[in-house]
Protein backbone atom coordinates (compact mmCIF):
# COMPACT_ATOMS: atom_id res chain seq x y z
CA MET A 1 -13.41 -10.78 33.51
CA THR A 2 -9.76 -10.45 33.57
CA HIS A 3 -7.89 -13.32 35.33
CA PRO A 4 -4.69 -13.26 36.87
CA ALA A 5 -1.76 -14.65 35.09
CA PRO A 6 -0.97 -18.18 35.62
CA THR A 7 1.76 -19.27 37.89
CA ALA A 8 4.15 -22.29 37.78
CA ALA A 9 2.57 -23.96 40.74
CA LEU A 10 -1.10 -23.80 39.17
CA LEU A 11 0.29 -25.29 36.05
CA GLN A 12 2.15 -27.82 38.20
CA GLN A 13 -1.06 -28.58 40.02
CA ARG A 14 -3.22 -29.01 36.86
CA LEU A 15 -0.73 -31.23 35.08
CA GLN A 16 -0.05 -33.58 38.38
CA GLN A 17 -4.03 -33.94 38.22
CA VAL A 18 -4.30 -34.76 34.88
CA LEU A 19 -1.22 -36.60 33.83
CA GLN A 20 -0.01 -37.78 37.12
CA PRO A 21 3.51 -37.61 36.32
CA SER A 22 6.56 -39.36 38.16
CA GLN A 23 8.36 -36.28 37.59
CA LEU A 24 7.36 -32.70 37.17
CA GLU A 25 9.00 -29.44 36.69
CA VAL A 26 7.40 -25.84 35.80
CA VAL A 27 9.64 -23.17 35.44
CA ASP A 28 8.38 -19.42 34.84
CA GLU A 29 10.69 -18.22 32.20
CA SER A 30 8.59 -15.02 31.32
CA ALA A 31 11.46 -12.46 32.60
CA GLN A 32 13.98 -14.06 29.97
CA HIS A 33 11.25 -12.77 27.16
CA HIS A 34 10.63 -9.32 28.43
CA GLY A 35 9.74 -7.47 25.12
CA HIS A 36 8.93 -10.37 23.04
CA ALA A 37 5.61 -11.36 21.76
CA GLY A 38 3.22 -12.55 24.33
CA ALA A 39 4.91 -10.57 27.02
CA ASN A 40 2.89 -9.02 29.58
CA GLY A 41 5.47 -6.79 30.96
CA THR A 42 5.27 -8.13 34.56
CA GLY A 43 8.02 -10.75 34.17
CA PHE A 44 5.90 -13.65 34.95
CA GLY A 45 2.86 -15.83 33.89
CA THR A 46 3.45 -15.79 30.11
CA HIS A 47 6.16 -18.27 29.07
CA PHE A 48 6.96 -21.62 30.80
CA ARG A 49 9.29 -24.71 30.48
CA VAL A 50 7.56 -27.82 31.41
CA ARG A 51 9.75 -31.09 32.10
CA LEU A 52 7.68 -34.09 32.82
CA THR A 53 7.99 -38.01 32.87
CA ALA A 54 4.67 -39.79 32.86
CA ARG A 55 3.20 -43.30 31.97
CA ALA A 56 0.49 -41.35 29.97
CA PHE A 57 3.12 -40.69 27.25
CA ALA A 58 3.90 -44.48 26.80
CA GLY A 59 3.54 -45.35 23.04
CA LYS A 60 2.97 -41.70 21.85
CA SER A 61 4.75 -39.81 19.53
CA LEU A 62 6.54 -36.30 20.71
CA VAL A 63 3.41 -34.28 19.20
CA ALA A 64 0.95 -36.44 20.80
CA ARG A 65 2.89 -36.06 24.07
CA HIS A 66 2.81 -32.10 23.71
CA ARG A 67 -0.85 -32.38 22.86
CA LEU A 68 -1.73 -33.88 25.94
CA VAL A 69 0.03 -31.36 27.76
CA TYR A 70 -1.67 -28.54 25.95
CA ASP A 71 -4.79 -30.05 26.15
CA ALA A 72 -4.33 -30.22 30.16
CA LEU A 73 -3.24 -26.61 30.17
CA GLN A 74 -5.65 -24.89 27.60
CA ASP A 75 -7.85 -22.98 29.98
CA PHE A 76 -4.69 -21.09 31.22
CA MET A 77 -4.10 -19.64 27.56
CA ALA A 78 -7.12 -17.35 28.03
CA GLN A 79 -5.36 -16.04 31.39
CA GLY A 80 -1.98 -15.10 29.59
CA LEU A 81 0.09 -18.33 28.70
CA HIS A 82 1.72 -17.53 25.85
CA ALA A 83 4.24 -20.11 25.48
CA LEU A 84 5.39 -23.59 26.59
CA ALA A 85 8.68 -25.10 26.40
CA ILE A 86 7.87 -28.95 26.84
CA GLU A 87 10.22 -31.84 27.61
CA ALA A 88 7.82 -34.76 27.91
CA GLN A 89 9.34 -38.27 28.69
CA THR A 90 8.20 -41.78 29.28
CA PRO A 91 9.55 -43.63 32.30
CA THR A 92 12.18 -45.91 31.94
CA VAL A 93 12.08 -49.50 33.12
C-alpha cells in the first residue's frame, strides 16, 4: 500500500499531540533538496526542519531530545520522510 507523502501539517499535529510543545514550527524544505538522496521528485514530503520548545526535553541531552522527535514521527519514515533538521529547546523560566 502506497501512502501519500507526509506534510508539515501532519508532522506538526503529531508533535503537538506527543510532545505538547509550547512553541512549534515545521517547515517542508524538500524543494531545496531536489536531486538529493531521498528526494521524491515532487518537491515536498521528504525533508523537513522542526523547531520546537517542550518541557519534555528538560534535563535531556541533545541526542535524547532528537530521539523523542524521531520516535514521535517514526511511522512517517515509511511514508517518505527522509530527513529531519531538528532544533529542540527546553523552555526558559
